[in-house]
Amino acid sequence: MKTLVICSGGLDSVSLAHIIADQHELTRLVSFDYGQRHRKELDFAAAAAKRLNVPHHLMDMRGIGAALSGSALTDDIDVPDGHYAEDTMRVTVVPNRNAIMLTIGFGIAAANGDEAVATAVHGGDHFIYPDCRPEFTRAFDKMQKAALDGYANVQLYTPFVERSKADIVKEGAAHSTPFAETWSCYKGGEAHCGRCGTCVERREAFHLAGVEDPTLYADPDYWLEAVAEGEKR
């Protein structure tokens, strides 16, 4: 199956790209610059495309991102520390981000004869991000079939939508994903901060998967406190 992967440069999407390259026919990676607070992850997406020998489409969405205000990922708002299970993480929502990106991805796929658009949304995203939930992905796939009816047949591929980030780590490891060549941290420092929601989730996922975490964290032990606090809620 000729498959385009939406790739941010993070652990989830880079792992998915490696899995697709092994199991299907990876055709291209598509990434988005939507004015996020740093662009480090996009460099890792470009490196993944080069490593997997496929084109990398970097879409300039900065104008759109500027209108999607109110998120810690796009505005001058502090990124909160803690676990994704905490309500404070809602400030990291960029409204309708996945819906917009997937729509562009489907257009690129249809124009290039691809058969699927793959995205690495997973079960850990459901609490915070509505456009990562199974209800959304099913509805979006149905909408795209109507949007492209008679022109192209492209399906949405979401292998992790009912699974955990630890599952992604396990599968990524099985397909030789170079985890050190991925970037998750929302803060964009020299090293992963170890304190923001995505760093905590990343560190916890490696632990649960039983896979060695090669990531350098500025605060490597904070995740234990954050997970314990999240479990109280």
Foldseek 3Di string as FASTA:
>chain_A
DEEEEAFQQALQRLLVQLLCVVPHPDAEYEYEPQQFPDNVSVVLVVVSCVVSVHYYHYYYNPVVSVVQDQAVGHDVDDFAFFAPLDPVNLSHDRPCVVVVVVVVVLVVCLVVVGAEYEYAQADSCVVRYVCSAPVNQVVSQVVVCVVCPPRHHYGYHHPHSYHAVLVSVLSSVVSPRPNQSGDFASVDDPFRQCTGHRNLRVLVSCVVNVHDDPGDHPDNPVSVVRVVVSVVD
